[in-house]
PDB file of N, CA and C in Angstrom:
ATOM      1  N   VAL A   1      12.595  11.714 -11.227  1.00  0.00           N
ATOM      2  CA  VAL A   1      13.356  10.500 -11.501  1.00  0.00           C
ATOM      3  C   VAL A   1      12.889   9.421 -10.541  1.00  0.00           C
ATOM      4  N   GLN A   2      12.496   8.300 -11.066  1.00  0.00           N
ATOM      5  CA  GLN A   2      11.963   7.213 -10.239  1.00  0.00           C
ATOM      6  C   GLN A   2      12.896   6.016 -10.328  1.00  0.00           C
ATOM      7  N   LEU A   3      13.299   5.546  -9.161  1.00  0.00           N
ATOM      8  CA  LEU A   3      14.099   4.340  -9.100  1.00  0.00           C
ATOM      9  C   LEU A   3      13.185   3.163  -8.800  1.00  0.00           C
ATOM     10  N   GLN A   4      13.500   2.018  -9.376  1.00  0.00           N
ATOM     11  CA  GLN A   4      12.684   0.823  -9.183  1.00  0.00           C
ATOM     12  C   GLN A   4      13.498  -0.222  -8.436  1.00  0.00           C
ATOM     13  N   ALA A   5      13.122  -0.472  -7.193  1.00  0.00           N
ATOM     14  CA  ALA A   5      13.799  -1.486  -6.386  1.00  0.00           C
ATOM     15  C   ALA A   5      12.936  -2.731  -6.301  1.00  0.00           C
ATOM     16  N   SER A   6      13.583  -3.878  -6.258  1.00  0.00           N
ATOM     17  CA  SER A   6      12.853  -5.142  -6.173  1.00  0.00           C
ATOM     18  C   SER A   6      13.740  -6.205  -5.538  1.00  0.00           C
ATOM     19  N   GLY A   7      13.144  -7.342  -5.236  1.00  0.00           N
ATOM     20  CA  GLY A   7      13.918  -8.477  -4.758  1.00  0.00           C
ATOM     21  C   GLY A   7      13.735  -8.833  -3.307  1.00  0.00           C
ATOM     22  N   GLY A   8      12.978  -8.043  -2.571  1.00  0.00           N
ATOM     23  CA  GLY A   8      12.757  -8.360  -1.172  1.00  0.00           C
ATOM     24  C   GLY A   8      11.868  -9.579  -1.015  1.00  0.00           C
ATOM     25  N   GLY A   9      11.738 -10.017   0.226  1.00  0.00           N
ATOM     26  CA  GLY A   9      10.898 -11.168   0.499  1.00  0.00           C
ATOM     27  C   GLY A   9      11.131 -11.709   1.885  1.00  0.00           C
ATOM     28  N   LEU A  10      10.595 -12.896   2.099  1.00  0.00           N
ATOM     29  CA  LEU A  10      10.738 -13.584   3.374  1.00  0.00           C
ATOM     30  C   LEU A  10      11.757 -14.707   3.221  1.00  0.00           C
ATOM     31  N   VAL A  11      12.706 -14.740   4.135  1.00  0.00           N
ATOM     32  CA  VAL A  11      13.761 -15.750   4.065  1.00  0.00           C
ATOM     33  C   VAL A  11      14.105 -16.197   5.478  1.00  0.00           C
ATOM     34  N   GLN A  12      14.564 -17.414   5.604  1.00  0.00           N
ATOM     35  CA  GLN A  12      14.982 -17.905   6.911  1.00  0.00           C
ATOM     36  C   GLN A  12      16.377 -17.407   7.255  1.00  0.00           C
ATOM     37  N   ALA A  13      16.657 -17.358   8.528  1.00  0.00           N
ATOM     38  CA  ALA A  13      17.987 -16.962   8.972  1.00  0.00           C
ATOM     39  C   ALA A  13      19.037 -17.854   8.312  1.00  0.00           C
ATOM     40  N   GLY A  14      20.103 -17.210   7.869  1.00  0.00           N
ATOM     41  CA  GLY A  14      21.149 -17.925   7.153  1.00  0.00           C
ATOM     42  C   GLY A  14      20.967 -17.933   5.656  1.00  0.00           C
ATOM     43  N   GLY A  15      19.824 -17.484   5.203  1.00  0.00           N
ATOM     44  CA  GLY A  15      19.534 -17.474   3.777  1.00  0.00           C
ATOM     45  C   GLY A  15      20.091 -16.254   3.073  1.00  0.00           C
ATOM     46  N   SER A  16      19.749 -16.151   1.810  1.00  0.00           N
ATOM     47  CA  SER A  16      20.272 -15.083   0.954  1.00  0.00           C
ATOM     48  C   SER A  16      19.154 -14.458   0.134  1.00  0.00           C
ATOM     49  N   LEU A  17      19.371 -13.213  -0.213  1.00  0.00           N
ATOM     50  CA  LEU A  17      18.491 -12.489  -1.130  1.00  0.00           C
ATOM     51  C   LEU A  17      19.343 -11.543  -1.959  1.00  0.00           C
ATOM     52  N   ARG A  18      18.852 -11.210  -3.121  1.00  0.00           N
ATOM     53  CA  ARG A  18      19.510 -10.194  -3.936  1.00  0.00           C
ATOM     54  C   ARG A  18      18.496  -9.124  -4.290  1.00  0.00           C
ATOM     55  N   LEU A  19      18.810  -7.919  -3.907  1.00  0.00           N
ATOM     56  CA  LEU A  19      17.973  -6.778  -4.246  1.00  0.00           C
ATOM     57  C   LEU A  19      18.500  -6.124  -5.514  1.00  0.00           C
ATOM     58  N   SER A  20      17.583  -5.594  -6.291  1.00  0.00           N
ATOM     59  CA  SER A  20      17.940  -4.910  -7.531  1.00  0.00           C
ATOM     60  C   SER A  20      17.317  -3.527  -7.544  1.00  0.00           C
ATOM     61  N   CYS A  21      17.986  -2.618  -8.163  1.00  0.00           N
ATOM     62  CA  CYS A  21      17.457  -1.260  -8.297  1.00  0.00           C
ATOM     63  C   CYS A  21      17.848  -0.717  -9.661  1.00  0.00           C
ATOM     64  N   GLU A  22      16.858  -0.479 -10.460  1.00  0.00           N
ATOM     65  CA  GLU A  22      17.112   0.072 -11.792  1.00  0.00           C
ATOM     66  C   GLU A  22      17.133   1.594 -11.703  1.00  0.00           C
ATOM     67  N   ILE A  23      18.179   2.148 -12.246  1.00  0.00           N
ATOM     68  CA  ILE A  23      18.385   3.604 -12.226  1.00  0.00           C
ATOM     69  C   ILE A  23      18.321   4.110 -13.646  1.00  0.00           C
ATOM     70  N   PRO A  24      17.620   5.179 -13.888  1.00  0.00           N
ATOM     71  CA  PRO A  24      17.514   5.676 -15.268  1.00  0.00           C
ATOM     72  C   PRO A  24      18.878   5.820 -15.938  1.00  0.00           C
ATOM     73  N   ARG A  25      18.940   5.366 -17.166  1.00  0.00           N
ATOM     74  CA  ARG A  25      20.193   5.376 -17.884  1.00  0.00           C
ATOM     75  C   ARG A  25      20.768   6.783 -18.023  1.00  0.00           C
ATOM     76  N   SER A  26      19.891   7.756 -18.029  1.00  0.00           N
ATOM     77  CA  SER A  26      20.337   9.139 -18.220  1.00  0.00           C
ATOM     78  C   SER A  26      21.232   9.629 -17.086  1.00  0.00           C
ATOM     79  N   ILE A  27      21.142   9.011 -15.924  1.00  0.00           N
ATOM     80  CA  ILE A  27      21.956   9.451 -14.786  1.00  0.00           C
ATOM     81  C   ILE A  27      22.861   8.349 -14.254  1.00  0.00           C
ATOM     82  N   PHE A  28      22.727   7.148 -14.761  1.00  0.00           N
ATOM     83  CA  PHE A  28      23.400   5.999 -14.163  1.00  0.00           C
ATOM     84  C   PHE A  28      24.904   6.189 -14.057  1.00  0.00           C
ATOM     85  N   SER A  29      25.502   6.779 -15.062  1.00  0.00           N
ATOM     86  CA  SER A  29      26.965   6.857 -15.084  1.00  0.00           C
ATOM     87  C   SER A  29      27.520   7.976 -14.205  1.00  0.00           C
ATOM     88  N   VAL A  30      26.669   8.829 -13.698  1.00  0.00           N
ATOM     89  CA  VAL A  30      27.191   9.986 -12.952  1.00  0.00           C
ATOM     90  C   VAL A  30      26.826   9.963 -11.473  1.00  0.00           C
ATOM     91  N   VAL A  31      26.027   8.988 -11.056  1.00  0.00           N
ATOM     92  CA  VAL A  31      25.569   8.998  -9.677  1.00  0.00           C
ATOM     93  C   VAL A  31      26.372   8.050  -8.794  1.00  0.00           C
ATOM     94  N   ASP A  32      26.405   8.412  -7.529  1.00  0.00           N
ATOM     95  CA  ASP A  32      26.811   7.471  -6.493  1.00  0.00           C
ATOM     96  C   ASP A  32      25.545   6.711  -6.096  1.00  0.00           C
ATOM     97  N   MET A  33      25.694   5.427  -5.805  1.00  0.00           N
ATOM     98  CA  MET A  33      24.526   4.597  -5.537  1.00  0.00           C
ATOM     99  C   MET A  33      24.636   3.993  -4.149  1.00  0.00           C
ATOM    100  N   GLY A  34      23.495   3.839  -3.514  1.00  0.00           N
ATOM    101  CA  GLY A  34      23.546   3.271  -2.186  1.00  0.00           C
ATOM    102  C   GLY A  34      22.288   2.515  -1.835  1.00  0.00           C
ATOM    103  N   TRP A  35      22.439   1.680  -0.847  1.00  0.00           N
ATOM    104  CA  TRP A  35      21.319   0.966  -0.258  1.00  0.00           C
ATOM    105  C   TRP A  35      21.204   1.374   1.211  1.00  0.00           C
ATOM    106  N   TYR A  36      19.978   1.646   1.607  1.00  0.00           N
ATOM    107  CA  TYR A  36      19.678   1.999   2.983  1.00  0.00           C
ATOM    108  C   TYR A  36      18.601   1.060   3.496  1.00  0.00           C
ATOM    109  N   ARG A  37      18.420   1.039   4.795  1.00  0.00           N
ATOM    110  CA  ARG A  37      17.343   0.233   5.347  1.00  0.00           C
ATOM    111  C   ARG A  37      16.755   0.930   6.569  1.00  0.00           C
ATOM    112  N   GLN A  38      15.508   0.603   6.813  1.00  0.00           N
ATOM    113  CA  GLN A  38      14.830   1.157   7.971  1.00  0.00           C
ATOM    114  C   GLN A  38      14.003   0.057   8.622  1.00  0.00           C
ATOM    115  N   ALA A  39      14.386  -0.263   9.838  1.00  0.00           N
ATOM    116  CA  ALA A  39      13.648  -1.253  10.618  1.00  0.00           C
ATOM    117  C   ALA A  39      12.563  -0.545  11.422  1.00  0.00           C
ATOM    118  N   PRO A  40      11.531  -1.265  11.827  1.00  0.00           N
ATOM    119  CA  PRO A  40      10.448  -0.645  12.604  1.00  0.00           C
ATOM    120  C   PRO A  40      10.985   0.040  13.854  1.00  0.00           C
ATOM    121  N   GLY A  41      10.588   1.295  14.040  1.00  0.00           N
ATOM    122  CA  GLY A  41      10.995   2.036  15.219  1.00  0.00           C
ATOM    123  C   GLY A  41      12.413   2.553  15.193  1.00  0.00           C
ATOM    124  N   LYS A  42      13.100   2.380  14.069  1.00  0.00           N
ATOM    125  CA  LYS A  42      14.488   2.828  13.974  1.00  0.00           C
ATOM    126  C   LYS A  42      14.655   3.818  12.835  1.00  0.00           C
ATOM    127  N   GLN A  43      15.757   4.539  12.892  1.00  0.00           N
ATOM    128  CA  GLN A  43      16.062   5.472  11.820  1.00  0.00           C
ATOM    129  C   GLN A  43      16.600   4.740  10.600  1.00  0.00           C
ATOM    130  N   ARG A  44      16.433   5.371   9.464  1.00  0.00           N
ATOM    131  CA  ARG A  44      17.006   4.809   8.249  1.00  0.00           C
ATOM    132  C   ARG A  44      18.528   4.847   8.362  1.00  0.00           C
ATOM    133  N   GLU A  45      19.161   3.775   7.945  1.00  0.00           N
ATOM    134  CA  GLU A  45      20.609   3.693   8.054  1.00  0.00           C
ATOM    135  C   GLU A  45      21.226   3.240   6.743  1.00  0.00           C
ATOM    136  N   LEU A  46      22.450   3.685   6.548  1.00  0.00           N
ATOM    137  CA  LEU A  46      23.196   3.297   5.361  1.00  0.00           C
ATOM    138  C   LEU A  46      23.638   1.839   5.478  1.00  0.00           C
ATOM    139  N   VAL A  47      23.452   1.101   4.408  1.00  0.00           N
ATOM    140  CA  VAL A  47      23.901  -0.288   4.367  1.00  0.00           C
ATOM    141  C   VAL A  47      25.161  -0.411   3.512  1.00  0.00           C
ATOM    142  N   ALA A  48      25.103   0.125   2.307  1.00  0.00           N
ATOM    143  CA  ALA A  48      26.238   0.006   1.404  1.00  0.00           C
ATOM    144  C   ALA A  48      26.184   1.115   0.370  1.00  0.00           C
ATOM    145  N   THR A  49      27.352   1.520  -0.062  1.00  0.00           N
ATOM    146  CA  THR A  49      27.464   2.569  -1.077  1.00  0.00           C
ATOM    147  C   THR A  49      28.454   2.139  -2.142  1.00  0.00           C
ATOM    148  N   MET A  50      28.127   2.459  -3.375  1.00  0.00           N
ATOM    149  CA  MET A  50      29.098   2.315  -4.467  1.00  0.00           C
ATOM    150  C   MET A  50      29.227   3.671  -5.131  1.00  0.00           C
ATOM    151  N   PHE A  51      30.401   4.249  -5.026  1.00  0.00           N
ATOM    152  CA  PHE A  51      30.641   5.535  -5.658  1.00  0.00           C
ATOM    153  C   PHE A  51      30.847   5.323  -7.156  1.00  0.00           C
ATOM    154  N   ARG A  52      30.619   6.360  -7.927  1.00  0.00           N
ATOM    155  CA  ARG A  52      30.672   6.195  -9.385  1.00  0.00           C
ATOM    156  C   ARG A  52      32.055   5.809  -9.856  1.00  0.00           C
ATOM    157  N   ILE A  53      33.074   6.050  -9.044  1.00  0.00           N
ATOM    158  CA  ILE A  53      34.417   5.627  -9.431  1.00  0.00           C
ATOM    159  C   ILE A  53      34.658   4.164  -9.088  1.00  0.00           C
ATOM    160  N   GLY A  54      33.673   3.531  -8.446  1.00  0.00           N
ATOM    161  CA  GLY A  54      33.767   2.105  -8.159  1.00  0.00           C
ATOM    162  C   GLY A  54      34.073   1.738  -6.728  1.00  0.00           C
ATOM    163  N   ARG A  55      34.501   2.691  -5.946  1.00  0.00           N
ATOM    164  CA  ARG A  55      34.817   2.391  -4.545  1.00  0.00           C
ATOM    165  C   ARG A  55      33.538   2.067  -3.788  1.00  0.00           C
ATOM    166  N   THR A  56      33.640   1.126  -2.863  1.00  0.00           N
ATOM    167  CA  THR A  56      32.473   0.713  -2.082  1.00  0.00           C
ATOM    168  C   THR A  56      32.685   0.965  -0.593  1.00  0.00           C
ATOM    169  N   ASN A  57      31.581   1.044   0.113  1.00  0.00           N
ATOM    170  CA  ASN A  57      31.611   1.279   1.554  1.00  0.00           C
ATOM    171  C   ASN A  57      30.450   0.516   2.171  1.00  0.00           C
ATOM    172  N   TYR A  58      30.681  -0.084   3.337  1.00  0.00           N
ATOM    173  CA  TYR A  58      29.650  -0.893   3.980  1.00  0.00           C
ATOM    174  C   TYR A  58      29.499  -0.533   5.447  1.00  0.00           C
ATOM    175  N   ALA A  59      28.291  -0.688   5.947  1.00  0.00           N
ATOM    176  CA  ALA A  59      28.075  -0.599   7.390  1.00  0.00           C
ATOM    177  C   ALA A  59      28.782  -1.772   8.057  1.00  0.00           C
ATOM    178  N   ASP A  60      29.289  -1.535   9.243  1.00  0.00           N
ATOM    179  CA  ASP A  60      30.012  -2.603   9.941  1.00  0.00           C
ATOM    180  C   ASP A  60      29.144  -3.843  10.123  1.00  0.00           C
ATOM    181  N   SER A  61      27.866  -3.635  10.317  1.00  0.00           N
ATOM    182  CA  SER A  61      26.971  -4.757  10.614  1.00  0.00           C
ATOM    183  C   SER A  61      26.783  -5.708   9.437  1.00  0.00           C
ATOM    184  N   VAL A  62      27.143  -5.263   8.231  1.00  0.00           N
ATOM    185  CA  VAL A  62      26.929  -6.121   7.057  1.00  0.00           C
ATOM    186  C   VAL A  62      28.218  -6.507   6.353  1.00  0.00           C
ATOM    187  N   LYS A  63      29.338  -5.987   6.828  1.00  0.00           N
ATOM    188  CA  LYS A  63      30.616  -6.303   6.176  1.00  0.00           C
ATOM    189  C   LYS A  63      30.854  -7.806   6.167  1.00  0.00           C
ATOM    190  N   GLY A  64      31.267  -8.301   5.022  1.00  0.00           N
ATOM    191  CA  GLY A  64      31.532  -9.723   4.878  1.00  0.00           C
ATOM    192  C   GLY A  64      30.298 -10.542   4.534  1.00  0.00           C
ATOM    193  N   ARG A  65      29.122  -9.939   4.631  1.00  0.00           N
ATOM    194  CA  ARG A  65      27.885 -10.665   4.319  1.00  0.00           C
ATOM    195  C   ARG A  65      27.161 -10.082   3.113  1.00  0.00           C
ATOM    196  N   PHE A  66      27.218  -8.774   2.961  1.00  0.00           N
ATOM    197  CA  PHE A  66      26.527  -8.086   1.875  1.00  0.00           C
ATOM    198  C   PHE A  66      27.543  -7.593   0.850  1.00  0.00           C
ATOM    199  N   ALA A  67      27.098  -7.503  -0.391  1.00  0.00           N
ATOM    200  CA  ALA A  67      27.955  -6.969  -1.443  1.00  0.00           C
ATOM    201  C   ALA A  67      27.123  -6.121  -2.393  1.00  0.00           C
ATOM    202  N   ILE A  68      27.597  -4.929  -2.662  1.00  0.00           N
ATOM    203  CA  ILE A  68      26.943  -4.048  -3.628  1.00  0.00           C
ATOM    204  C   ILE A  68      27.691  -4.146  -4.945  1.00  0.00           C
ATOM    205  N   SER A  69      26.946  -4.159  -6.022  1.00  0.00           N
ATOM    206  CA  SER A  69      27.568  -4.249  -7.341  1.00  0.00           C
ATOM    207  C   SER A  69      26.676  -3.539  -8.347  1.00  0.00           C
ATOM    208  N   ARG A  70      27.192  -3.380  -9.544  1.00  0.00           N
ATOM    209  CA  ARG A  70      26.440  -2.687 -10.578  1.00  0.00           C
ATOM    210  C   ARG A  70      26.607  -3.398 -11.907  1.00  0.00           C
ATOM    211  N   ASP A  71      25.594  -3.283 -12.727  1.00  0.00           N
ATOM    212  CA  ASP A  71      25.636  -3.801 -14.092  1.00  0.00           C
ATOM    213  C   ASP A  71      25.369  -2.616 -15.001  1.00  0.00           C
ATOM    214  N   ASN A  72      26.411  -2.151 -15.652  1.00  0.00           N
ATOM    215  CA  ASN A  72      26.263  -0.953 -16.479  1.00  0.00           C
ATOM    216  C   ASN A  72      25.348  -1.189 -17.665  1.00  0.00           C
ATOM    217  N   ALA A  73      25.364  -2.384 -18.200  1.00  0.00           N
ATOM    218  CA  ALA A  73      24.529  -2.683 -19.370  1.00  0.00           C
ATOM    219  C   ALA A  73      23.046  -2.648 -19.029  1.00  0.00           C
ATOM    220  N   LYS A  74      22.745  -2.970 -17.786  1.00  0.00           N
ATOM    221  CA  LYS A  74      21.343  -2.988 -17.356  1.00  0.00           C
ATOM    222  C   LYS A  74      20.990  -1.775 -16.495  1.00  0.00           C
ATOM    223  N   ASN A  75      21.906  -0.844 -16.359  1.00  0.00           N
ATOM    224  CA  ASN A  75      21.757   0.311 -15.473  1.00  0.00           C
ATOM    225  C   ASN A  75      21.081  -0.052 -14.161  1.00  0.00           C
ATOM    226  N   THR A  76      21.643  -1.058 -13.545  1.00  0.00           N
ATOM    227  CA  THR A  76      21.068  -1.610 -12.317  1.00  0.00           C
ATOM    228  C   THR A  76      22.154  -1.762 -11.257  1.00  0.00           C
ATOM    229  N   VAL A  77      21.791  -1.459 -10.031  1.00  0.00           N
ATOM    230  CA  VAL A  77      22.664  -1.703  -8.889  1.00  0.00           C
ATOM    231  C   VAL A  77      22.037  -2.817  -8.054  1.00  0.00           C
ATOM    232  N   TYR A  78      22.898  -3.676  -7.528  1.00  0.00           N
ATOM    233  CA  TYR A  78      22.433  -4.840  -6.784  1.00  0.00           C
ATOM    234  C   TYR A  78      22.945  -4.793  -5.340  1.00  0.00           C
ATOM    235  N   LEU A  79      22.223  -5.471  -4.481  1.00  0.00           N
ATOM    236  CA  LEU A  79      22.709  -5.728  -3.136  1.00  0.00           C
ATOM    237  C   LEU A  79      22.535  -7.218  -2.873  1.00  0.00           C
ATOM    238  N   GLU A  80      23.644  -7.917  -2.867  1.00  0.00           N
ATOM    239  CA  GLU A  80      23.642  -9.337  -2.572  1.00  0.00           C
ATOM    240  C   GLU A  80      23.762  -9.484  -1.062  1.00  0.00           C
ATOM    241  N   MET A  81      22.798 -10.174  -0.464  1.00  0.00           N
ATOM    242  CA  MET A  81      22.766 -10.312   0.989  1.00  0.00           C
ATOM    243  C   MET A  81      22.846 -11.788   1.363  1.00  0.00           C
ATOM    244  N   ASN A  82      23.868 -12.134   2.101  1.00  0.00           N
ATOM    245  CA  ASN A  82      24.081 -13.518   2.507  1.00  0.00           C
ATOM    246  C   ASN A  82      24.092 -13.632   4.038  1.00  0.00           C
ATOM    247  N   ASP A  83      23.895 -14.850   4.494  1.00  0.00           N
ATOM    248  CA  ASP A  83      23.924 -15.123   5.940  1.00  0.00           C
ATOM    249  C   ASP A  83      23.021 -14.140   6.686  1.00  0.00           C
ATOM    250  N   LEU A  84      21.816 -14.021   6.207  1.00  0.00           N
ATOM    251  CA  LEU A  84      20.880 -13.060   6.786  1.00  0.00           C
ATOM    252  C   LEU A  84      20.472 -13.462   8.200  1.00  0.00           C
ATOM    253  N   THR A  85      20.242 -12.463   9.015  1.00  0.00           N
ATOM    254  CA  THR A  85      19.795 -12.668  10.387  1.00  0.00           C
ATOM    255  C   THR A  85      18.500 -11.871  10.602  1.00  0.00           C
ATOM    256  N   PRO A  86      17.747 -12.193  11.642  1.00  0.00           N
ATOM    257  CA  PRO A  86      16.521 -11.419  11.915  1.00  0.00           C
ATOM    258  C   PRO A  86      16.792  -9.920  12.079  1.00  0.00           C
ATOM    259  N   GLU A  87      18.001  -9.570  12.490  1.00  0.00           N
ATOM    260  CA  GLU A  87      18.356  -8.155  12.644  1.00  0.00           C
ATOM    261  C   GLU A  87      18.447  -7.424  11.305  1.00  0.00           C
ATOM    262  N   ASP A  88      18.470  -8.162  10.226  1.00  0.00           N
ATOM    263  CA  ASP A  88      18.491  -7.545   8.892  1.00  0.00           C
ATOM    264  C   ASP A  88      17.087  -7.224   8.394  1.00  0.00           C
ATOM    265  N   THR A  89      16.080  -7.605   9.146  1.00  0.00           N
ATOM    266  CA  THR A  89      14.706  -7.322   8.751  1.00  0.00           C
ATOM    267  C   THR A  89      14.470  -5.817   8.709  1.00  0.00           C
ATOM    268  N   ALA A  90      14.013  -5.339   7.566  1.00  0.00           N
ATOM    269  CA  ALA A  90      13.806  -3.909   7.377  1.00  0.00           C
ATOM    270  C   ALA A  90      13.212  -3.679   5.994  1.00  0.00           C
ATOM    271  N   VAL A  91      12.819  -2.446   5.777  1.00  0.00           N
ATOM    272  CA  VAL A  91      12.510  -2.014   4.419  1.00  0.00           C
ATOM    273  C   VAL A  91      13.803  -1.453   3.833  1.00  0.00           C
ATOM    274  N   TYR A  92      14.166  -1.950   2.680  1.00  0.00           N
ATOM    275  CA  TYR A  92      15.405  -1.545   2.026  1.00  0.00           C
ATOM    276  C   TYR A  92      15.106  -0.578   0.885  1.00  0.00           C
ATOM    277  N   TYR A  93      15.902   0.473   0.821  1.00  0.00           N
ATOM    278  CA  TYR A  93      15.727   1.518  -0.180  1.00  0.00           C
ATOM    279  C   TYR A  93      17.020   1.693  -0.974  1.00  0.00           C
ATOM    280  N   CYS A  94      16.879   1.950  -2.246  1.00  0.00           N
ATOM    281  CA  CYS A  94      18.043   2.333  -3.026  1.00  0.00           C
ATOM    282  C   CYS A  94      18.022   3.847  -3.225  1.00  0.00           C
ATOM    283  N   LYS A  95      19.204   4.370  -3.408  1.00  0.00           N
ATOM    284  CA  LYS A  95      19.360   5.817  -3.547  1.00  0.00           C
ATOM    285  C   LYS A  95      20.430   6.105  -4.586  1.00  0.00           C
ATOM    286  N   ALA A  96      20.164   7.118  -5.392  1.00  0.00           N
ATOM    287  CA  ALA A  96      21.160   7.610  -6.332  1.00  0.00           C
ATOM    288  C   ALA A  96      21.403   9.075  -6.017  1.00  0.00           C
ATOM    289  N   GLU A  97      22.649   9.460  -6.014  1.00  0.00           N
ATOM    290  CA  GLU A  97      22.994  10.811  -5.587  1.00  0.00           C
ATOM    291  C   GLU A  97      23.979  11.433  -6.557  1.00  0.00           C
ATOM    292  N   TYR A  98      23.707  12.672  -6.895  1.00  0.00           N
ATOM    293  CA  TYR A  98      24.603  13.407  -7.780  1.00  0.00           C
ATOM    294  C   TYR A  98      24.572  14.859  -7.384  1.00  0.00           C
ATOM    295  N   GLY A  99      25.677  15.332  -6.852  1.00  0.00           N
ATOM    296  CA  GLY A  99      25.720  16.715  -6.402  1.00  0.00           C
ATOM    297  C   GLY A  99      24.671  16.951  -5.330  1.00  0.00           C
ATOM    298  N   HIS A 100      23.816  17.931  -5.562  1.00  0.00           N
ATOM    299  CA  HIS A 100      22.774  18.250  -4.591  1.00  0.00           C
ATOM    300  C   HIS A 100      21.514  17.409  -4.777  1.00  0.00           C
ATOM    301  N   TYR A 101      21.516  16.556  -5.749  1.00  0.00           N
ATOM    302  CA  TYR A 101      20.322  15.794  -6.086  1.00  0.00           C
ATOM    303  C   TYR A 101      20.357  14.405  -5.459  1.00  0.00           C
ATOM    304  N   GLU A 102      19.223  14.011  -4.917  1.00  0.00           N
ATOM    305  CA  GLU A 102      19.049  12.670  -4.361  1.00  0.00           C
ATOM    306  C   GLU A 102      17.789  12.059  -4.954  1.00  0.00           C
ATOM    307  N   TYR A 103      17.894  10.821  -5.355  1.00  0.00           N
ATOM    308  CA  TYR A 103      16.757  10.108  -5.899  1.00  0.00           C
ATOM    309  C   TYR A 103      16.601   8.810  -5.110  1.00  0.00           C
ATOM    310  N   TRP A 104      15.380   8.569  -4.679  1.00  0.00           N
ATOM    311  CA  TRP A 104      15.113   7.390  -3.863  1.00  0.00           C
ATOM    312  C   TRP A 104      14.139   6.467  -4.576  1.00  0.00           C
ATOM    313  N   GLY A 105      14.327   5.187  -4.349  1.00  0.00           N
ATOM    314  CA  GLY A 105      13.373   4.210  -4.840  1.00  0.00           C
ATOM    315  C   GLY A 105      12.355   3.884  -3.758  1.00  0.00           C
ATOM    316  N   ARG A 106      11.259   3.314  -4.156  1.00  0.00           N
ATOM    317  CA  ARG A 106      10.311   2.803  -3.191  1.00  0.00           C
ATOM    318  C   ARG A 106      10.951   1.608  -2.490  1.00  0.00           C
ATOM    319  N   GLY A 107      10.672   1.481  -1.234  1.00  0.00           N
ATOM    320  CA  GLY A 107      11.309   0.430  -0.466  1.00  0.00           C
ATOM    321  C   GLY A 107      10.825  -0.959  -0.829  1.00  0.00           C
ATOM    322  N   THR A 108      11.661  -1.921  -0.510  1.00  0.00           N
ATOM    323  CA  THR A 108      11.294  -3.314  -0.676  1.00  0.00           C
ATOM    324  C   THR A 108      11.527  -4.018   0.664  1.00  0.00           C
ATOM    325  N   GLN A 109      10.536  -4.754   1.101  1.00  0.00           N
ATOM    326  CA  GLN A 109      10.569  -5.365   2.430  1.00  0.00           C
ATOM    327  C   GLN A 109      11.417  -6.632   2.434  1.00  0.00           C
ATOM    328  N   VAL A 110      12.311  -6.697   3.399  1.00  0.00           N
ATOM    329  CA  VAL A 110      13.085  -7.907   3.650  1.00  0.00           C
ATOM    330  C   VAL A 110      12.749  -8.383   5.060  1.00  0.00           C
ATOM    331  N   THR A 111      12.284  -9.609   5.157  1.00  0.00           N
ATOM    332  CA  THR A 111      11.937 -10.182   6.458  1.00  0.00           C
ATOM    333  C   THR A 111      12.713 -11.475   6.646  1.00  0.00           C
ATOM    334  N   VAL A 112      13.449 -11.542   7.734  1.00  0.00           N
ATOM    335  CA  VAL A 112      14.250 -12.729   8.024  1.00  0.00           C
ATOM    336  C   VAL A 112      13.678 -13.397   9.265  1.00  0.00           C
ATOM    337  N   SER A 113      13.256 -14.626   9.097  1.00  0.00           N
ATOM    338  CA  SER A 113      12.677 -15.360  10.222  1.00  0.00           C
ATOM    339  C   SER A 113      13.753 -16.189  10.925  1.00  0.00           C
ATOM    340  N   SER A 114      13.576 -16.347  12.216  1.00  0.00           N
ATOM    341  CA  SER A 114      14.572 -17.101  12.996  1.00  0.00           C
ATOM    342  C   SER A 114      14.263 -18.591  13.013  1.00  0.00           C
TER     343      SER A 114
END
C-alpha cells in the first residue's frame, strides 16, 4: 500500500502550507491517520492524528497552528499548517494505521525561512 504525500515547500516564517496525503480508498474508512515529521538530527515525531472515529490529537508544539482534516470523497487527509516557524522545518510523513498494519507515505520537505 503506497501513500502519496504532497504540498511541501519553502515558506517564510509566519506563512502557511497545506500538506495532502492520498490514502487508498480500500483502507481509507478503517484507518487512523497521522502526520509525523523528522528534522535533521532528530527523531521522527508525531505532529497530528485523526482517528477513524474523527477524534484528533496534536503535539503541543503545533496546537493552535496546525489542523488535520480529511476529505472522504477524495480519500485524502490534510495537514493545514499556519504561523510556521523555522522550528517546523522537517520532512513530513503521513501514516495510516489499522490494527497491526502501518502504511507510510514518502516524505515531503517543509522548509521555513526566518
